[in-house]
Each structure stands twice: as C-alpha cells, then as structure tokens.
Amino acid sequence: MRGEPDQLQRDDTAAHGGGRVRTAVLVALLALLAVKVLFAARVDLFWDEAFYWQCGQRPAIAYADHPPVTAMLVRVGTEIVGDTPLGVRSLFLCIGALFPFAVYALAQPLVGRRDAWLAAGATLVMFATASLGLLAVPDAVLMLAAVLFLVGFERATREGDLGAWMLVGAAGCLGLATHYRFVLVPFAALVYLVATRNGRRQWRQGGLWLAAGLLLVGLLPTIIYNLGNDFASLRYHLAGRHGVRFRAGALGEFVAGQAVIVSPFLLVGLLGVLVDLIRRARTGDDRAALFAVFALTHLGLFLLASPFESRGLFTLHWPVPGYVPLLVYLPSMLRRLLRGAGRWLRALVVVLVPGVGAVVVALLFVELGTGWLGLGDVREPFIGWSQAAKRAKAYLTELGEPGRRAIVVGDNYCLAANLEFHLHSLADVYTLDHPRNHKHGRAPQFDAWGTSEAGLRARAGEDALVVVEWSEVSSSRRDEWMAHIGSLFDRLEPLGELRVAHVGTQKAFKEYRFYRGIAIRPEQDP
C-alpha cells in the first residue's frame, strides 16, 4: 500500500534531535498546564460551564442540548475537588493535558518520533488546541476522542489489527456520548471506506463491524432522550440553532476567526499540508487520502455552512478536529520547502509559524485571565457572576424568613446557572423564559427540571429575590421585559443595582439589578 511509514526514515529522524524536541515539548506542556490550573482556580465559570454543573447536579440519560458525558465529568470533578471553579474544570484539565500525547501516538508510526513530537508541540502553539481543558465544555473530550478514533482507524486500515478496531469503536462511543458534532468523525471514516480502494477492502474485516457496534452504543443516550422528548434536542441541532438566510460577510468572518484561533501563519502552513495531501492522494498515496478526507470533512463542511450560521452563537472552534490530521505532516512539509534555503529564511519560518502562534496563545491567555488587553468580548462571559452572587447572598440575609428556603430568580439561564452554582445550598434558583434560553436550546431543560417560569408559579404566594442582568437586555426591550417580570408577582420592590467594571478601565462592563418579588402569582388561564 502506498503511503505506509518508512522504517529507515523513522529511525533517521528519531536519531537527530528527537530527545531535545521531546524535552522542549514536555516543558512547554507543563508550563501551559500550570497556567491553565491557575486560570481554572481563579476565574468565574463561563455560562455553559455553570449550566453543565447544573446538569451534573441532576444526573440523567441525556439533556436538552447534549448527551451525558460532559455533565458526568463535571459531577465527578466536583465530587473530588469540591463545588469550585477548579473542581468543575479539573477532569477537563487532565483531558487537555493528554491531547498532545494522543497526537504523538497518531503521528509516530507515520513520520517518526522527532516529527511526532513536533506535531505534538504544534498543539501548544495553536490556541484552539492549547486551550483544551481550560473550560469544562465538550470540546476537550471531543478532540481527544477524535484523535484516538483516528489513531485506531489509521492502524486498523493499515494493519487490520483487531485492537485498533476496538479503539475506533470505544473512541467513537465516547465522542457520540459527548456531543452531536462528533458524528462528523465516523462520517469521515465512512467516506474513506467508500471512496478509496483500501477503504473498500475493509468491509470484509470483522473488526470494522465490531467497531461499528461499539460506536453505536454511544448513540443510545441521545436516542432514548429524543424518543421521550419529541426529538426536541435533535430538531434544535439540525435546524433550531442555524440560520436560514445567506450572509456573504459571514464567510470572511469565518476565515478571520480561524486565523485567530489557529494563528495566521500556522493556518497557511496547515492549508499547504492539505493541498499537498490532496495531490499525493491523487497519485495513489492511501495514507494521504485518509488524512485528507478527515481534514476536508470538517474544514470543508463548516466553511460552506458558515454563511448560514446564526449570529451570536460561537462556532469558530467547530472545525478544529480537521486541523489535527494536518499537524502530523506539517514538520516534514516545512522541511521539504526549506530544503536548500538559507539560514535566515529558515529562522524566519520558525518565527512566523510556531512563534506567532505562541504569541497569540500567550496574549489570549493573558486576556482571559486578567482582561489586561481590554478585549471585552473575550473576557465578558467570565465577568460578574461571583459579584452578583455575593450581592444576592447579602440580600437573602436581609430578606430571609426563618424556616423557609429562599427563592432566587435569574432572568436568563446564564445568570441563573451561575447564581445556583454559588447559592445552591441557600436557595432554589429559577430562570425566566428569556430568548437566550431558547437560542442556546436550554429552555426545555428548565421545564423538565421544574425551574422555569411554570415551576416558579407553582410556588404561588411566596416571595423571591429577582436578579436581572440589565446590561444583557437591549434598551428597546427593557420596558417590555420588566413588565413581563412584574406580571409574575403582585409587586416588585427595587433593592439596588451592581455595576461590575472591566479590569483596568472605569467602563461599566456588566450591570445587575435586584428586586424583591412579593407574592408569586399562580399560572393564569389564557
């Protein structure tokens, strides 16, 4: 089969600097992990993290917008470390630290130990992969599962090893039980199995069918949940969160966003690898065809879909699994391009490709952790939650009634989830029917938990502390929104407001308003 690894080349590359490269990568990985742990311990939860924490407090077969693995990992982490930001993120930090080793395992049989360590090191200078595990979100698990799937699939289609096929099935099961997006990974494998000569030979392998059976187990939570909930989750992911109008400018936004999360020169280099793989695949190189298919499935699909993506939903990280196969061949491609080039040109490439990537990673980590650069959109999801919860706790102390568990109302799920994270031992937290809840597919979950407006009205006659994220409500909708909130109570009494300033500026970054809702009104007939 063309494209099989060359043993002499592997031995040669391993003998020239492989140990030094490995040491440098491991030192960089430990330094990056230390920064992540510091961030994880000191920075408030991103709103999705707080929602996954809520899910972890309520174990289920699946949830309104995702399968169960993310919530399970959050729950286990908090059982070990505690209900703290570090506890929520702890297992994801471990998964993120494993990711470069998985890339090494993918690359080593194909390009040798030295280039495999270089490929692993490249994951540390690309923000999209360097940040894996920083947040307790599905991406860390998805990326690790995708790479392990490809490790097994590459071995299985080259050697026919049963253990490799089992790895394919286990990794696929994990990925499908984590998020719907993972379906593109087995889809890419299917394309390879149908479109290539070596792929079509694999259908006679018993291991392929074993892998398919294991993989399908990962779909069971999603199938069970959707059958019991009128396919609401599936309909949301297929249509509800996506736009229907073409926006030509979105294509440019997508490319610009990829240049940031990958870094500009690294992105150019990886796209050069993709072009080279396609060229080699057309000459019969089977491994090049395999890696090109996996890369194109993600990068091509999301590029084409970007003009139709709904605004306000962060999707720039979705294509990232498509870059990982390209990392494997990046060092060798750059080496071929620079063969015979002068020392200064080689030094310039080293500065531009990994060097600029490292600078981008460092700057984005600084901004996430400190807000020093003043890029409000980057730090905004982490700002204000603990301060709002602290003020809410003070009001609960003032208004509390002995012998009765307090009721707290957050006007959108992002606020309510963070309030519950900080106050869950002190109060029952409800969320109102905010457009944000529907936009992110979470509204059905609050209905199922009984923590939506319907659940609040079931507490008719009781008082509640109402917290409104004022800066999130557009000025044109404020009167209407406050009228809606007022309709849930006999009377609203203003208690105060809180302005949380961005670090290093006097600008009010977030504003919260606090009310005492007197006598919750029961559900009324239409």
Protein backbone atom coordinates (compact mmCIF):
# COMPACT_ATOMS: atom_id res chain seq x y z
CA MET A 1 0.00 0.00 0.00
CA ARG A 2 1.41 3.40 -0.92
CA GLY A 3 1.87 5.82 1.97
CA GLU A 4 2.96 3.24 4.58
CA PRO A 5 5.55 4.63 7.05
CA ASP A 6 9.15 4.11 6.08
CA GLN A 7 11.14 2.46 8.90
CA LEU A 8 14.51 3.86 7.81
CA GLN A 9 13.10 7.38 7.74
CA ARG A 10 11.63 6.92 11.21
CA ASP A 11 14.92 5.68 12.63
CA ASP A 12 16.79 8.53 10.98
CA THR A 13 14.51 11.27 12.28
CA ALA A 14 14.50 9.72 15.76
CA ALA A 15 18.30 9.84 15.87
CA HIS A 16 18.60 13.56 15.14
CA GLY A 17 17.38 15.71 17.98
CA GLY A 18 14.30 13.69 18.93
CA GLY A 19 15.23 13.76 22.60
CA ARG A 20 15.72 17.54 22.66
CA VAL A 21 12.42 18.12 20.90
CA ARG A 22 10.60 15.82 23.33
CA THR A 23 12.09 17.63 26.34
CA ALA A 24 11.12 21.03 24.95
CA VAL A 25 7.55 19.89 24.27
CA LEU A 26 7.14 18.38 27.74
CA VAL A 27 8.47 21.52 29.44
CA ALA A 28 6.12 23.70 27.39
CA LEU A 29 3.20 21.39 28.19
CA LEU A 30 3.88 21.57 31.94
CA ALA A 31 4.18 25.35 31.81
CA LEU A 32 0.92 25.63 29.89
CA LEU A 33 -0.83 23.27 32.31
CA ALA A 34 0.32 25.40 35.25
CA VAL A 35 -1.21 28.49 33.61
CA LYS A 36 -4.46 26.62 32.97
CA VAL A 37 -4.71 25.44 36.57
CA LEU A 38 -4.16 29.00 37.80
CA PHE A 39 -6.88 30.25 35.47
CA ALA A 40 -9.25 27.43 36.41
CA ALA A 41 -8.90 28.18 40.11
CA ARG A 42 -9.28 31.97 39.92
CA VAL A 43 -11.75 32.81 37.13
CA ASP A 44 -15.56 32.57 37.34
CA LEU A 45 -17.34 29.91 35.31
CA PHE A 46 -18.31 30.57 31.73
CA TRP A 47 -22.11 30.33 31.47
CA ASP A 48 -22.03 26.97 29.65
CA GLU A 49 -19.82 25.57 32.40
CA ALA A 50 -22.34 26.67 35.01
CA PHE A 51 -25.14 25.04 33.04
CA TYR A 52 -23.17 21.78 32.79
CA TRP A 53 -22.67 21.98 36.57
CA GLN A 54 -26.46 22.24 36.94
CA CYS A 55 -26.80 19.14 34.76
CA GLY A 56 -24.24 17.31 36.85
CA GLN A 57 -26.35 18.01 39.94
CA ARG A 58 -29.28 16.30 38.18
CA PRO A 59 -27.92 13.09 36.59
CA ALA A 60 -29.86 11.92 33.54
CA ILE A 61 -29.51 9.74 30.45
CA ALA A 62 -29.06 12.94 28.38
CA TYR A 63 -30.01 16.60 28.40
CA ALA A 64 -31.86 19.06 26.20
CA ASP A 65 -28.86 20.10 24.12
CA HIS A 66 -26.18 17.46 24.76
CA PRO A 67 -25.52 13.81 25.71
CA PRO A 68 -24.40 12.98 29.27
CA VAL A 69 -20.56 12.77 29.29
CA THR A 70 -19.80 16.46 29.92
CA ALA A 71 -22.17 16.68 32.88
CA MET A 72 -20.82 13.39 34.26
CA LEU A 73 -17.22 14.66 34.15
CA VAL A 74 -18.22 17.91 35.85
CA ARG A 75 -20.00 15.98 38.60
CA VAL A 76 -17.06 13.63 39.20
CA GLY A 77 -14.63 16.57 39.28
CA THR A 78 -16.68 18.44 41.86
CA GLU A 79 -17.10 15.29 43.97
CA ILE A 80 -13.29 15.03 44.10
CA VAL A 81 -12.22 18.69 44.32
CA GLY A 82 -15.41 20.42 45.50
CA ASP A 83 -18.00 22.79 44.07
CA THR A 84 -15.43 25.33 42.96
CA PRO A 85 -14.39 26.55 39.51
CA LEU A 86 -11.30 24.32 39.76
CA GLY A 87 -13.47 21.35 40.72
CA VAL A 88 -15.74 21.88 37.73
CA ARG A 89 -12.76 22.08 35.37
CA SER A 90 -10.42 19.54 36.98
CA LEU A 91 -11.05 16.47 34.79
CA PHE A 92 -11.12 18.61 31.64
CA LEU A 93 -7.66 19.94 32.54
CA CYS A 94 -6.43 16.34 32.71
CA ILE A 95 -8.00 15.52 29.34
CA GLY A 96 -6.45 18.61 27.76
CA ALA A 97 -3.03 17.57 29.08
CA LEU A 98 -3.40 14.15 27.41
CA PHE A 99 -4.21 15.61 24.00
CA PRO A 100 -0.60 16.25 22.77
CA PHE A 101 0.31 12.65 23.64
CA ALA A 102 -2.61 11.42 21.54
CA VAL A 103 -1.34 13.49 18.60
CA TYR A 104 2.11 11.97 19.12
CA ALA A 105 0.59 8.48 19.04
CA LEU A 106 -1.15 9.33 15.77
CA ALA A 107 1.96 10.72 14.10
CA GLN A 108 4.78 8.47 15.33
CA PRO A 109 4.19 5.41 13.10
CA LEU A 110 3.89 7.65 10.04
CA VAL A 111 6.58 10.31 10.41
CA GLY A 112 8.93 9.12 13.14
CA ARG A 113 9.49 10.17 16.73
CA ARG A 114 11.06 13.57 16.14
CA ASP A 115 8.36 14.84 13.79
CA ALA A 116 5.71 13.27 16.03
CA TRP A 117 6.95 15.32 18.97
CA LEU A 118 6.99 18.40 16.73
CA ALA A 119 3.37 17.70 15.77
CA ALA A 120 2.50 17.32 19.46
CA GLY A 121 4.31 20.58 20.18
CA ALA A 122 2.32 22.35 17.47
CA THR A 123 -0.83 21.72 19.51
CA LEU A 124 0.66 24.00 22.20
CA VAL A 125 1.06 26.98 19.85
CA MET A 126 -2.42 26.78 18.31
CA PHE A 127 -4.92 28.42 20.66
CA ALA A 128 -7.75 26.13 19.61
CA THR A 129 -5.83 23.12 20.96
CA ALA A 130 -3.61 24.82 23.55
CA SER A 131 -6.75 25.93 25.41
CA LEU A 132 -8.30 22.44 25.56
CA GLY A 133 -9.37 21.66 29.11
CA LEU A 134 -9.26 25.28 30.16
CA LEU A 135 -13.07 25.24 30.28
CA ALA A 136 -15.43 22.46 31.30
CA VAL A 137 -17.05 22.18 27.88
CA PRO A 138 -17.39 19.20 25.49
CA ASP A 139 -14.52 20.20 23.19
CA ALA A 140 -11.70 18.68 25.26
CA VAL A 141 -13.41 15.27 25.23
CA LEU A 142 -14.45 15.60 21.59
CA MET A 143 -10.92 16.41 20.44
CA LEU A 144 -9.32 13.59 22.43
CA ALA A 145 -11.95 11.13 21.19
CA ALA A 146 -11.46 12.32 17.58
CA VAL A 147 -7.69 11.82 17.71
CA LEU A 148 -7.98 8.40 19.39
CA PHE A 149 -10.55 7.41 16.76
CA LEU A 150 -8.11 8.41 14.02
CA VAL A 151 -5.21 6.63 15.78
CA GLY A 152 -7.22 3.41 15.78
CA PHE A 153 -8.62 3.88 12.28
CA GLU A 154 -5.21 4.58 10.76
CA ARG A 155 -3.72 1.46 12.38
CA ALA A 156 -6.73 -0.71 11.57
CA THR A 157 -6.86 0.21 7.87
CA ARG A 158 -3.10 -0.27 7.55
CA GLU A 159 -2.53 -3.40 9.63
CA GLY A 160 -6.01 -4.90 10.14
CA ASP A 161 -5.38 -5.08 13.90
CA LEU A 162 -8.44 -6.05 15.97
CA GLY A 163 -7.28 -3.97 18.93
CA ALA A 164 -7.12 -0.92 16.68
CA TRP A 165 -10.69 -1.52 15.53
CA MET A 166 -11.78 -1.74 19.17
CA LEU A 167 -10.10 1.61 19.84
CA VAL A 168 -12.09 3.05 16.93
CA GLY A 169 -15.32 1.80 18.47
CA ALA A 170 -14.51 2.90 22.03
CA ALA A 171 -13.38 6.39 20.96
CA GLY A 172 -16.43 6.74 18.72
CA CYS A 173 -18.72 5.68 21.56
CA LEU A 174 -17.15 8.30 23.85
CA GLY A 175 -17.42 11.03 21.23
CA LEU A 176 -21.05 10.34 20.35
CA ALA A 177 -21.96 10.29 24.05
CA THR A 178 -20.35 13.73 24.41
CA HIS A 179 -21.79 15.89 21.64
CA TYR A 180 -23.73 15.66 18.38
CA ARG A 181 -20.87 17.30 16.45
CA PHE A 182 -18.78 14.16 16.80
CA VAL A 183 -20.91 12.48 14.13
CA LEU A 184 -18.61 14.08 11.50
CA VAL A 185 -15.73 11.85 12.63
CA PRO A 186 -17.38 8.49 11.81
CA PHE A 187 -18.86 10.18 8.73
CA ALA A 188 -15.33 10.96 7.52
CA ALA A 189 -14.38 7.34 8.14
CA LEU A 190 -17.38 6.24 6.08
CA VAL A 191 -16.32 8.50 3.20
CA TYR A 192 -12.85 6.90 3.25
CA LEU A 193 -14.32 3.38 3.40
CA VAL A 194 -16.50 4.08 0.36
CA ALA A 195 -14.28 6.32 -1.76
CA THR A 196 -10.87 4.61 -1.62
CA ARG A 197 -9.66 1.22 -2.82
CA ASN A 198 -8.10 0.27 0.51
CA GLY A 199 -11.20 1.54 2.31
CA ARG A 200 -13.49 -0.72 0.32
CA ARG A 201 -11.32 -3.73 1.27
CA GLN A 202 -12.04 -3.05 4.95
CA TRP A 203 -15.71 -4.03 4.66
CA ARG A 204 -14.60 -7.68 4.79
CA GLN A 205 -12.86 -7.11 8.14
CA GLY A 206 -14.78 -8.39 11.16
CA GLY A 207 -13.11 -5.69 13.25
CA LEU A 208 -14.92 -2.98 11.29
CA TRP A 209 -18.30 -4.36 12.30
CA LEU A 210 -17.21 -4.75 15.92
CA ALA A 211 -16.12 -1.10 15.90
CA ALA A 212 -19.45 -0.05 14.40
CA GLY A 213 -21.34 -1.89 17.12
CA LEU A 214 -19.31 -0.28 19.92
CA LEU A 215 -19.69 3.13 18.29
CA LEU A 216 -23.47 2.86 18.12
CA VAL A 217 -23.63 2.30 21.88
CA GLY A 218 -22.63 5.95 22.22
CA LEU A 219 -25.83 6.96 20.41
CA LEU A 220 -28.14 5.24 22.89
CA PRO A 221 -28.41 8.15 25.38
CA THR A 222 -29.29 10.54 22.55
CA ILE A 223 -31.82 8.14 21.02
CA ILE A 224 -33.51 7.43 24.36
CA TYR A 225 -33.73 11.11 25.26
CA ASN A 226 -35.11 12.18 21.89
CA LEU A 227 -37.69 9.40 21.78
CA GLY A 228 -39.01 10.58 25.12
CA ASN A 229 -38.96 14.29 24.27
CA ASP A 230 -40.48 14.55 20.79
CA PHE A 231 -36.99 14.80 19.21
CA ALA A 232 -36.67 18.35 20.57
CA SER A 233 -32.89 18.10 21.01
CA LEU A 234 -32.30 16.69 17.54
CA ARG A 235 -34.55 19.31 15.93
CA TYR A 236 -32.67 22.09 17.71
CA HIS A 237 -29.27 20.90 16.49
CA LEU A 238 -30.42 20.25 12.94
CA ALA A 239 -32.40 23.45 12.48
CA GLY A 240 -33.09 25.47 15.59
CA ARG A 241 -29.62 26.90 16.15
CA HIS A 242 -28.84 27.54 12.48
CA GLY A 243 -29.74 30.48 10.31
CA VAL A 244 -31.70 30.28 7.09
CA ARG A 245 -30.51 33.48 5.44
CA PHE A 246 -27.30 33.71 3.47
CA ARG A 247 -24.80 36.26 4.80
CA ALA A 248 -21.91 36.76 2.39
CA GLY A 249 -19.86 38.57 5.02
CA ALA A 250 -20.01 35.56 7.32
CA LEU A 251 -17.56 33.69 5.10
CA GLY A 252 -14.90 36.32 5.68
CA GLU A 253 -15.71 36.36 9.40
CA PHE A 254 -15.22 32.61 9.50
CA VAL A 255 -11.80 32.76 7.82
CA ALA A 256 -10.68 35.65 10.04
CA GLY A 257 -11.80 33.75 13.12
CA GLN A 258 -9.87 30.67 12.06
CA ALA A 259 -6.76 32.82 11.59
CA VAL A 260 -7.08 33.91 15.23
CA ILE A 261 -7.75 30.56 16.90
CA VAL A 262 -5.17 28.75 14.74
CA SER A 263 -2.81 31.75 14.20
CA PRO A 264 -2.31 33.22 10.71
CA PHE A 265 0.95 31.62 9.58
CA LEU A 266 0.16 28.25 11.15
CA LEU A 267 -3.16 28.31 9.30
CA VAL A 268 -1.39 28.96 6.00
CA GLY A 269 1.03 26.13 6.72
CA LEU A 270 -1.75 23.67 7.55
CA LEU A 271 -3.70 24.57 4.43
CA GLY A 272 -0.48 23.97 2.47
CA VAL A 273 -0.30 20.49 4.04
CA LEU A 274 -3.91 19.86 2.97
CA VAL A 275 -3.13 20.80 -0.64
CA ASP A 276 -0.08 18.51 -0.57
CA LEU A 277 -2.11 15.62 0.86
CA ILE A 278 -4.74 16.00 -1.85
CA ARG A 279 -2.02 16.00 -4.51
CA ARG A 280 -0.45 12.85 -3.04
CA ALA A 281 -3.82 11.15 -2.68
CA ARG A 282 -4.48 11.66 -6.38
CA THR A 283 -1.26 9.77 -7.16
CA GLY A 284 -2.39 6.79 -5.07
CA ASP A 285 -0.99 7.56 -1.60
CA ASP A 286 -3.56 5.89 0.66
CA ARG A 287 -2.44 7.49 3.96
CA ALA A 288 -2.56 10.91 2.34
CA ALA A 289 -6.09 10.13 1.14
CA LEU A 290 -7.14 9.07 4.64
CA PHE A 291 -5.85 12.22 6.33
CA ALA A 292 -7.15 14.49 3.57
CA VAL A 293 -10.65 13.02 3.92
CA PHE A 294 -10.69 13.59 7.69
CA ALA A 295 -9.44 17.16 7.30
CA LEU A 296 -11.76 18.10 4.44
CA THR A 297 -14.85 16.70 6.16
CA HIS A 298 -14.59 19.25 8.95
CA LEU A 299 -12.92 22.19 7.26
CA GLY A 300 -14.92 22.00 4.05
CA LEU A 301 -18.31 21.49 5.67
CA PHE A 302 -18.01 24.33 8.16
CA LEU A 303 -16.54 26.68 5.56
CA LEU A 304 -19.52 26.06 3.29
CA ALA A 305 -22.01 26.31 6.16
CA SER A 306 -20.56 29.47 7.69
CA PRO A 307 -22.70 31.94 5.66
CA PHE A 308 -25.83 30.30 7.09
CA GLU A 309 -24.74 30.13 10.74
CA SER A 310 -26.82 32.05 13.27
CA ARG A 311 -25.18 35.17 14.62
CA GLY A 312 -24.37 35.34 18.31
CA LEU A 313 -23.53 31.65 18.66
CA PHE A 314 -19.83 30.87 18.99
CA THR A 315 -18.91 28.21 16.42
CA LEU A 316 -15.34 29.09 15.40
CA HIS A 317 -13.97 26.06 17.28
CA TRP A 318 -16.14 23.54 15.44
CA PRO A 319 -13.71 22.89 12.52
CA VAL A 320 -10.70 22.32 14.81
CA PRO A 321 -10.70 18.47 14.53
CA GLY A 322 -9.99 18.97 10.83
CA TYR A 323 -6.62 20.58 11.56
CA VAL A 324 -5.28 17.72 13.67
CA PRO A 325 -4.50 15.29 10.75
CA LEU A 326 -2.65 18.15 9.06
CA LEU A 327 -0.38 18.71 12.09
CA VAL A 328 1.12 15.26 11.51
CA TYR A 329 2.70 16.23 8.19
CA LEU A 330 3.41 19.92 8.91
CA PRO A 331 7.05 19.44 10.04
CA SER A 332 8.01 17.32 7.03
CA MET A 333 6.30 19.69 4.59
CA LEU A 334 8.12 22.72 6.03
CA ARG A 335 11.38 20.77 5.89
CA ARG A 336 10.87 20.00 2.20
CA LEU A 337 10.00 23.60 1.40
CA LEU A 338 13.07 24.92 3.19
CA ARG A 339 15.50 22.36 1.80
CA GLY A 340 18.38 24.36 0.40
CA ALA A 341 17.06 27.64 1.84
CA GLY A 342 19.37 30.00 3.67
CA ARG A 343 19.67 30.12 7.45
CA TRP A 344 17.81 33.42 7.70
CA LEU A 345 14.85 32.12 5.74
CA ARG A 346 14.62 29.03 7.92
CA ALA A 347 14.78 31.20 11.05
CA LEU A 348 12.03 33.44 9.67
CA VAL A 349 9.72 30.46 9.09
CA VAL A 350 10.34 29.23 12.63
CA VAL A 351 9.44 32.67 13.98
CA LEU A 352 6.34 33.06 11.85
CA VAL A 353 4.76 29.60 12.05
CA PRO A 354 5.16 28.39 15.64
CA GLY A 355 6.45 31.71 17.02
CA VAL A 356 3.46 33.87 16.10
CA GLY A 357 1.17 31.07 17.24
CA ALA A 358 2.86 31.04 20.67
CA VAL A 359 2.42 34.81 20.94
CA VAL A 360 -1.28 34.57 20.06
CA VAL A 361 -1.76 31.83 22.66
CA ALA A 362 0.05 33.89 25.32
CA LEU A 363 -1.93 37.06 24.58
CA LEU A 364 -5.29 35.31 24.62
CA PHE A 365 -4.45 33.58 27.91
CA VAL A 366 -3.43 36.91 29.41
CA GLU A 367 -6.70 38.48 28.27
CA LEU A 368 -8.81 35.61 29.56
CA GLY A 369 -7.13 35.67 32.94
CA THR A 370 -6.69 39.40 33.54
CA GLY A 371 -8.54 41.47 30.94
CA TRP A 372 -5.34 43.49 30.61
CA LEU A 373 -5.68 43.95 26.86
CA GLY A 374 -9.23 45.27 27.15
CA LEU A 375 -10.77 42.85 24.66
CA GLY A 376 -14.20 42.82 26.29
CA ASP A 377 -15.78 40.18 24.09
CA VAL A 378 -13.14 37.63 25.13
CA ARG A 379 -13.44 38.06 28.90
CA GLU A 380 -17.13 39.02 29.08
CA PRO A 381 -18.55 35.50 29.68
CA PHE A 382 -16.44 35.17 32.85
CA ILE A 383 -17.18 38.57 34.38
CA GLY A 384 -19.53 39.50 37.19
CA TRP A 385 -21.07 36.21 38.28
CA SER A 386 -19.43 35.87 41.68
CA GLN A 387 -20.00 39.55 42.46
CA ALA A 388 -23.69 39.25 41.57
CA ALA A 389 -24.00 36.11 43.69
CA LYS A 390 -22.27 37.80 46.63
CA ARG A 391 -24.72 40.72 46.46
CA ALA A 392 -27.64 38.30 46.13
CA LYS A 393 -26.43 36.45 49.22
CA ALA A 394 -26.38 39.71 51.17
CA TYR A 395 -29.97 40.49 50.14
CA LEU A 396 -31.06 36.96 51.08
CA THR A 397 -29.63 37.52 54.54
CA GLU A 398 -31.63 40.74 54.89
CA LEU A 399 -34.87 39.33 53.50
CA GLY A 400 -34.68 35.75 54.71
CA GLU A 401 -37.57 34.16 56.56
CA PRO A 402 -36.65 31.57 59.22
CA GLY A 403 -37.67 28.02 58.34
CA ARG A 404 -38.30 28.73 54.67
CA ARG A 405 -35.87 28.03 51.82
CA ALA A 406 -35.26 31.17 49.81
CA ILE A 407 -36.29 31.58 46.17
CA VAL A 408 -33.93 33.31 43.72
CA VAL A 409 -34.88 34.16 40.14
CA GLY A 410 -32.29 34.83 37.43
CA ASP A 411 -33.78 36.45 34.35
CA ASN A 412 -31.75 34.30 31.89
CA TYR A 413 -30.13 30.89 32.11
CA CYS A 414 -26.54 32.22 32.13
CA LEU A 415 -27.21 34.28 35.23
CA ALA A 416 -29.44 31.69 36.89
CA ALA A 417 -26.90 28.89 36.38
CA ASN A 418 -24.12 30.92 37.97
CA LEU A 419 -26.37 32.03 40.83
CA GLU A 420 -27.26 28.41 41.55
CA PHE A 421 -23.57 27.44 41.43
CA HIS A 422 -22.77 29.98 44.12
CA LEU A 423 -26.00 29.78 46.15
CA HIS A 424 -27.30 26.24 45.67
CA SER A 425 -27.06 25.41 49.38
CA LEU A 426 -29.00 28.56 50.27
CA ALA A 427 -31.82 28.88 47.75
CA ASP A 428 -33.91 27.34 45.00
CA VAL A 429 -32.98 29.07 41.75
CA TYR A 430 -35.37 29.57 38.82
CA THR A 431 -34.84 31.06 35.38
CA LEU A 432 -37.30 33.12 33.35
CA ASP A 433 -38.38 32.50 29.77
CA HIS A 434 -35.59 34.57 28.25
CA PRO A 435 -34.78 34.45 24.49
CA ARG A 436 -31.25 33.38 25.44
CA ASN A 437 -32.59 30.11 26.82
CA HIS A 438 -34.25 29.24 23.51
CA LYS A 439 -31.33 30.45 21.39
CA HIS A 440 -28.99 28.01 23.14
CA GLY A 441 -31.52 25.16 23.26
CA ARG A 442 -31.74 25.07 27.07
CA ALA A 443 -35.38 26.13 27.63
CA PRO A 444 -36.79 22.55 27.53
CA GLN A 445 -34.32 21.51 30.20
CA PHE A 446 -35.59 24.06 32.71
CA ASP A 447 -39.15 22.94 32.02
CA ALA A 448 -38.10 19.35 32.70
CA TRP A 449 -36.38 20.32 35.95
CA GLY A 450 -39.31 22.43 37.11
CA THR A 451 -37.09 25.52 37.37
CA SER A 452 -38.72 27.54 34.56
CA GLU A 453 -41.48 30.12 34.97
CA ALA A 454 -44.04 27.32 35.31
CA GLY A 455 -42.09 25.93 38.25
CA LEU A 456 -41.82 29.38 39.77
CA ARG A 457 -45.58 29.92 39.54
CA ALA A 458 -46.07 26.64 41.39
CA ARG A 459 -44.62 28.49 44.41
CA ALA A 460 -47.53 30.96 44.33
CA GLY A 461 -47.78 33.32 47.27
CA GLU A 462 -44.11 33.15 48.23
CA ASP A 463 -41.62 36.00 47.85
CA ALA A 464 -38.46 35.82 45.75
CA LEU A 465 -35.23 37.66 45.14
CA VAL A 466 -35.16 38.63 41.45
CA VAL A 467 -31.85 39.37 39.72
CA VAL A 468 -31.88 40.97 36.25
CA GLU A 469 -28.80 41.11 34.04
CA TRP A 470 -29.66 44.64 32.96
CA SER A 471 -26.75 45.07 30.55
CA GLU A 472 -27.92 41.98 28.63
CA VAL A 473 -31.37 43.42 27.90
CA SER A 474 -31.42 45.72 24.88
CA SER A 475 -32.65 49.25 25.59
CA SER A 476 -35.59 48.79 23.21
CA ARG A 477 -36.85 45.75 25.15
CA ARG A 478 -36.27 46.83 28.76
CA ASP A 479 -39.76 48.18 29.43
CA GLU A 480 -41.37 45.10 27.88
CA TRP A 481 -39.09 42.70 29.77
CA MET A 482 -39.62 44.39 33.12
CA ALA A 483 -43.38 44.36 32.51
CA HIS A 484 -43.16 40.61 31.94
CA ILE A 485 -41.18 40.08 35.13
CA GLY A 486 -43.64 42.26 37.02
CA SER A 487 -46.54 40.13 35.80
CA LEU A 488 -45.13 37.16 37.74
CA PHE A 489 -45.57 38.92 41.11
CA ASP A 490 -48.08 41.06 42.89
CA ARG A 491 -45.41 43.70 43.27
CA LEU A 492 -41.71 44.29 42.53
CA GLU A 493 -39.65 46.33 45.01
CA PRO A 494 -36.27 47.63 43.79
CA LEU A 495 -33.43 46.73 46.14
CA GLY A 496 -30.36 48.04 44.37
CA GLU A 497 -28.01 47.61 41.45
CA LEU A 498 -24.48 46.41 40.84
CA ARG A 499 -22.04 47.60 38.21
CA VAL A 500 -19.04 45.38 37.51
CA ALA A 501 -16.22 47.26 35.78
CA HIS A 502 -13.77 45.75 33.33
CA VAL A 503 -10.28 45.32 34.75
CA GLY A 504 -8.14 48.37 34.11
CA THR A 505 -10.98 50.65 32.98
CA GLN A 506 -13.76 52.69 34.52
CA LYS A 507 -16.28 51.46 31.99
CA ALA A 508 -19.25 49.54 33.45
CA PHE A 509 -18.87 46.15 31.87
CA LYS A 510 -21.94 44.47 33.36
CA GLU A 511 -24.90 45.75 35.28
CA TYR A 512 -27.29 43.81 37.50
CA ARG A 513 -30.49 44.97 39.17
CA PHE A 514 -32.02 43.36 42.23
CA TYR A 515 -35.69 43.28 43.20
CA ARG A 516 -37.87 41.74 45.84
CA GLY A 517 -40.72 39.96 44.11
CA ILE A 518 -43.65 39.96 46.53
CA ALA A 519 -46.20 37.14 46.25
CA ILE A 520 -45.54 34.97 43.20
CA ARG A 521 -48.69 34.79 41.09
CA PRO A 522 -50.11 31.40 40.09
CA GLU A 523 -50.45 30.28 36.50
CA GLN A 524 -53.46 32.00 34.96
CA ASP A 525 -55.84 30.64 32.37
CA PRO A 526 -55.29 32.04 28.86
